[in-house]
Each structure stands twice: as C-alpha cells, then as structure tokens.
Amino acid sequence: MFMVMFRLGGLFSMILPSLVYADSPPKSPTSMLHIESHRTPVSDSNSIYANGRMQSPLLVTYQLKQGYINPRIRLREKYVETELPAKDGWTVSTKDNGFDYYINDIGSTLSALAVKSGDPRATTQILYVSNTSQAARAIKICVELTATENATGNDVTKSTCGTHRSNKDIVTVVTRKPTLYQLSDFTVDHVHSDSDEDAGDTGRNMGSSHRKSMPDITN
C-alpha cells in the first residue's frame, strides 16, 4: 500500500508542474477588432483608380478592454504584414480629400451605401487608402491595434492579420490603371434652341458634347 501511494505521489509530482506552468492564453487589449470597406457597395472589397486621388475608406471598429489605454491603429498587408503605407504606391491618410470612394460599374443603390449602426460601446476610426502607381494593383489589408496595459505599462497588440474568420478581418482594395484623356479628345458644340432666338445673341446657350466618366485629363 505504501508503495502504491509513493508511486501515485511521484506521478502527481510530474503532472502538477505542467499544469501550474502551462502557457496562459495571450493577452488582448480588445474584445472586438474589425475592419470594413466604408460607404462602398461591398464591405470586404473595393475598387478605385490608381491616380493618387480616389480614396478607399476603411472603417476600423474596436472595443478596448478595461485596464488598457492609448490605442494605436496600424494598417498592414496581410500575409507579409508590412505596415501601410508600403511599396507599390499605397498611401494612407486620416483625411477625406473629397474624391469618389469607388468605381461605380453597377449603379449601386443608396441602401447599399447606408452607414450601419454599430455597437454603441465600440470606437471607430476611418482611414483612407489611395494609390499613386498609375497601374493595376491589389492588396489585402488587415488591422493591428496596440494599447498600453495600465497594470504593467507594457504594450499589448491584437491583430486581424493572422486569421480570416469573417468578412470583417480583411479588406481587398483593387486599383485600375487610369485612362488619360487629352484636351483634343473633346469638342465644344453650339446647341441651338428656340430660347436663343428669343434672347438674341446674348442669350446663346453654349453647350458641350457629352463627356465620358474620366479620372484624369492631361494637356
């Protein structure tokens, strides 16, 4: 009997340290971290011209846990995890420059572009991605958030770059090569109407021919 107890005691002595010193799950400063394409027809992808002016707005939504302060957000390229702005002409801004957000090929409806009401406890930030390469590109963008833990003063990071569990983990931004138009491609024609005769020469309606949708015009 004493021999059995001794052997059992030795077995527990081998198991207990592994239970006590087992790796705890990694810390996370947030209970939620999402990234979506904002005010565009699709929430997980978007298309813009690579002219340096069109911007693809990305909405980052997060909920900071208690005990964490000073959140910092970074956009990264998925798989290689390079921080944006990176190579190939990609740029990131916190300011909206007023240009279109997407290339409207399908006549998107207003309902598709409506801003969704999110969790009132969450914090949001919009970042604007553009490209200056004048070429066709594609990039998968994920988000990383780093915050400081009050108790230790250490920085703790959470990222959507390592997983793709939903359409709120990454956004694919595709660029198209801009079509460059010359001024010589356009003509101005006089459009005659009855009102011209009524108003005399001073009331002539000088119209212009219909222009195609164009991202750039050069001299």
Protein backbone atom coordinates (compact mmCIF):
# COMPACT_ATOMS: atom_id res chain seq x y z
CA MET A 1 0.00 0.00 0.00
CA PHE A 2 2.77 2.43 0.88
CA MET A 3 4.49 1.52 -2.37
CA VAL A 4 1.32 2.37 -4.34
CA MET A 5 0.96 5.71 -2.54
CA PHE A 6 4.57 6.52 -3.24
CA ARG A 7 4.17 5.79 -6.91
CA LEU A 8 0.99 7.84 -7.14
CA GLY A 9 2.68 10.70 -5.35
CA GLY A 10 5.53 10.58 -7.85
CA LEU A 11 3.05 10.62 -10.72
CA PHE A 12 1.27 13.73 -9.35
CA SER A 13 4.61 15.43 -8.82
CA MET A 14 5.29 15.03 -12.53
CA ILE A 15 1.85 16.25 -13.66
CA LEU A 16 1.31 19.23 -11.34
CA PRO A 17 4.24 21.37 -12.60
CA SER A 18 2.96 21.07 -16.16
CA LEU A 19 -0.46 22.29 -15.01
CA VAL A 20 0.91 25.16 -12.98
CA TYR A 21 3.35 26.37 -15.61
CA ALA A 22 1.19 25.78 -18.68
CA ASP A 23 1.16 28.70 -21.13
CA SER A 24 -1.71 31.08 -20.47
CA PRO A 25 -3.65 32.46 -23.48
CA PRO A 26 -2.11 35.60 -25.00
CA LYS A 27 -3.37 38.91 -23.69
CA SER A 28 -5.61 41.03 -25.86
CA PRO A 29 -6.35 44.75 -25.39
CA THR A 30 -9.69 44.49 -27.20
CA SER A 31 -12.81 42.38 -27.04
CA MET A 32 -13.58 43.26 -30.68
CA LEU A 33 -11.49 44.39 -33.65
CA HIS A 34 -12.92 44.71 -37.18
CA ILE A 35 -12.03 46.34 -40.49
CA GLU A 36 -14.54 47.01 -43.29
CA SER A 37 -14.78 48.93 -46.53
CA HIS A 38 -16.81 52.02 -45.63
CA ARG A 39 -19.61 53.59 -47.71
CA THR A 40 -18.88 51.32 -50.68
CA PRO A 41 -21.10 48.72 -52.37
CA VAL A 42 -19.32 45.76 -50.71
CA SER A 43 -17.98 45.68 -47.16
CA ASP A 44 -14.93 43.47 -47.73
CA SER A 45 -13.57 44.81 -51.05
CA ASN A 46 -13.44 47.94 -53.19
CA SER A 47 -12.10 49.27 -56.50
CA ILE A 48 -10.50 52.66 -57.15
CA TYR A 49 -8.34 54.27 -59.83
CA ALA A 50 -4.62 54.35 -59.08
CA ASN A 51 -4.41 58.10 -59.69
CA GLY A 52 -3.50 59.21 -56.16
CA ARG A 53 -6.83 60.99 -55.70
CA MET A 54 -9.55 58.37 -55.36
CA GLN A 55 -9.62 57.07 -51.79
CA SER A 56 -10.94 53.78 -50.44
CA PRO A 57 -12.29 54.49 -46.92
CA LEU A 58 -11.69 51.75 -44.35
CA LEU A 59 -13.70 51.66 -41.14
CA VAL A 60 -11.87 50.23 -38.12
CA THR A 61 -14.13 49.28 -35.20
CA TYR A 62 -12.80 48.17 -31.81
CA GLN A 63 -13.80 47.86 -28.17
CA LEU A 64 -10.97 48.48 -25.72
CA LYS A 65 -10.94 46.35 -22.58
CA GLN A 66 -10.79 47.89 -19.12
CA GLY A 67 -7.24 48.43 -17.91
CA TYR A 68 -5.90 49.45 -21.34
CA ILE A 69 -5.18 52.95 -22.62
CA ASN A 70 -3.65 54.78 -25.58
CA PRO A 71 -4.82 52.60 -28.52
CA ARG A 72 -2.78 52.91 -31.73
CA ILE A 73 -4.04 51.58 -35.05
CA ARG A 74 -1.92 50.36 -37.96
CA LEU A 75 -2.98 49.00 -41.32
CA ARG A 76 -0.94 46.10 -42.62
CA GLU A 77 -0.75 44.00 -45.76
CA LYS A 78 -1.99 40.51 -44.96
CA TYR A 79 0.44 37.58 -45.21
CA VAL A 80 3.58 39.74 -45.36
CA GLU A 81 2.26 42.06 -42.58
CA THR A 82 4.10 45.09 -43.99
CA GLU A 83 2.76 48.29 -42.48
CA LEU A 84 0.97 50.67 -44.82
CA PRO A 85 1.92 52.93 -46.48
CA ALA A 86 4.14 50.42 -48.22
CA LYS A 87 5.61 49.89 -51.68
CA ASP A 88 3.70 49.92 -54.98
CA GLY A 89 2.30 53.41 -54.43
CA TRP A 90 -0.04 52.73 -51.49
CA THR A 91 -0.73 55.64 -49.14
CA VAL A 92 -2.84 56.09 -46.00
CA SER A 93 -4.48 59.27 -44.74
CA THR A 94 -6.79 60.24 -41.91
CA LYS A 95 -8.39 62.95 -44.07
CA ASP A 96 -11.08 62.68 -46.74
CA ASN A 97 -9.98 64.59 -49.86
CA GLY A 98 -13.47 64.78 -51.34
CA PHE A 99 -12.96 62.50 -54.36
CA ASP A 100 -15.12 59.46 -55.13
CA TYR A 101 -14.83 56.41 -52.90
CA TYR A 102 -15.37 53.70 -55.51
CA ILE A 103 -15.75 52.99 -59.22
CA ASN A 104 -19.46 52.70 -59.88
CA ASP A 105 -19.80 49.97 -62.50
CA ILE A 106 -23.13 48.57 -61.35
CA GLY A 107 -25.17 51.58 -60.26
CA SER A 108 -25.08 50.95 -56.52
CA THR A 109 -28.20 51.84 -54.59
CA LEU A 110 -28.31 54.21 -51.67
CA SER A 111 -29.44 51.44 -49.36
CA ALA A 112 -26.26 49.53 -50.10
CA LEU A 113 -24.22 52.54 -49.08
CA ALA A 114 -26.10 53.36 -45.90
CA VAL A 115 -23.96 53.63 -42.79
CA LYS A 116 -24.75 50.73 -40.49
CA SER A 117 -25.38 51.46 -36.82
CA GLY A 118 -22.76 49.62 -34.78
CA ASP A 119 -22.23 48.74 -31.13
CA PRO A 120 -22.58 51.99 -29.12
CA ARG A 121 -19.80 50.78 -26.82
CA ALA A 122 -17.35 50.46 -29.70
CA THR A 123 -14.92 53.07 -31.01
CA THR A 124 -14.49 53.72 -34.73
CA GLN A 125 -11.84 55.33 -36.91
CA ILE A 126 -11.85 55.86 -40.68
CA LEU A 127 -8.60 55.64 -42.65
CA TYR A 128 -8.38 56.49 -46.37
CA VAL A 129 -6.24 54.35 -48.67
CA SER A 130 -5.15 55.53 -52.12
CA ASN A 131 -2.60 54.51 -54.73
CA THR A 132 -0.29 56.60 -56.91
CA SER A 133 1.21 53.85 -59.09
CA GLN A 134 -0.96 54.53 -62.18
CA ALA A 135 -1.16 50.74 -62.51
CA ALA A 136 -3.46 47.83 -61.73
CA ARG A 137 -2.79 46.57 -58.20
CA ALA A 138 -4.47 44.53 -55.50
CA ILE A 139 -3.80 44.38 -51.77
CA LYS A 140 -5.42 42.60 -48.82
CA ILE A 141 -5.45 44.93 -45.81
CA CYS A 142 -5.79 43.86 -42.18
CA VAL A 143 -5.67 45.93 -39.00
CA GLU A 144 -3.46 45.87 -35.92
CA LEU A 145 -4.21 47.62 -32.61
CA THR A 146 -1.67 48.20 -29.85
CA ALA A 147 -2.64 49.54 -26.40
CA THR A 148 -0.83 50.03 -23.10
CA GLU A 149 -1.74 47.86 -20.12
CA ASN A 150 -2.20 50.07 -17.06
CA ALA A 151 -1.07 47.47 -14.53
CA THR A 152 2.29 46.74 -16.18
CA GLY A 153 2.94 49.65 -18.55
CA ASN A 154 3.53 47.09 -21.31
CA ASP A 155 2.18 47.38 -24.83
CA VAL A 156 -0.19 44.61 -25.92
CA THR A 157 -1.20 44.02 -29.56
CA LYS A 158 -4.23 42.46 -31.25
CA SER A 159 -4.40 41.88 -35.00
CA THR A 160 -6.77 40.53 -37.65
CA CYS A 161 -3.82 39.66 -39.89
CA GLY A 162 -3.34 36.10 -38.67
CA THR A 163 -6.92 34.94 -39.15
CA HIS A 164 -9.70 35.27 -41.66
CA ARG A 165 -12.76 34.11 -39.80
CA SER A 166 -15.19 36.65 -41.22
CA ASN A 167 -15.51 39.39 -43.84
CA LYS A 168 -14.57 41.89 -41.12
CA ASP A 169 -10.96 40.70 -40.81
CA ILE A 170 -9.54 41.92 -44.12
CA VAL A 171 -10.47 44.28 -46.96
CA THR A 172 -9.24 43.76 -50.52
CA VAL A 173 -8.57 47.00 -52.40
CA VAL A 174 -8.12 46.71 -56.17
CA THR A 175 -6.83 49.55 -58.34
CA ARG A 176 -7.28 50.18 -62.04
CA LYS A 177 -4.98 52.00 -64.38
CA PRO A 178 -6.45 55.46 -65.02
CA THR A 179 -7.49 56.34 -68.56
CA LEU A 180 -5.75 59.56 -69.57
CA TYR A 181 -7.64 61.88 -71.89
CA GLN A 182 -6.15 64.71 -73.95
CA LEU A 183 -7.95 68.03 -74.35
CA SER A 184 -8.03 67.28 -78.07
CA ASP A 185 -10.35 64.35 -77.32
CA PHE A 186 -13.20 66.79 -76.57
CA THR A 187 -15.11 69.27 -78.67
CA VAL A 188 -17.47 72.10 -77.79
CA ASP A 189 -20.57 72.43 -79.95
CA HIS A 190 -23.21 75.12 -80.14
CA VAL A 191 -26.64 73.82 -79.17
CA HIS A 192 -29.42 75.81 -80.89
CA SER A 193 -32.78 76.24 -79.20
CA ASP A 194 -35.82 78.50 -79.54
CA SER A 195 -34.73 80.41 -76.48
CA ASP A 196 -31.62 81.54 -78.36
CA GLU A 197 -33.73 83.41 -80.89
CA ASP A 198 -35.90 84.93 -78.17
CA ALA A 199 -32.95 86.15 -76.16
CA GLY A 200 -30.82 87.28 -79.07
CA ASP A 201 -27.10 86.73 -79.42
CA THR A 202 -26.51 87.47 -75.75
CA GLY A 203 -28.68 84.57 -74.74
CA ARG A 204 -27.00 81.83 -76.76
CA ASN A 205 -26.71 78.51 -74.96
CA MET A 206 -23.19 77.25 -75.45
CA GLY A 207 -23.31 73.55 -74.57
CA SER A 208 -20.64 70.90 -74.71
CA SER A 209 -20.61 67.39 -76.02
CA HIS A 210 -21.23 64.60 -73.54
CA ARG A 211 -18.09 63.58 -71.63
CA LYS A 212 -17.25 60.08 -70.60
CA SER A 213 -16.54 59.30 -66.98
CA MET A 214 -12.85 60.04 -66.69
CA PRO A 215 -10.36 60.06 -63.86
CA ASP A 216 -7.69 62.27 -65.49
CA ILE A 217 -7.26 64.87 -68.19
CA THR A 218 -3.87 65.95 -69.47
CA ASN A 219 -2.90 68.88 -71.65
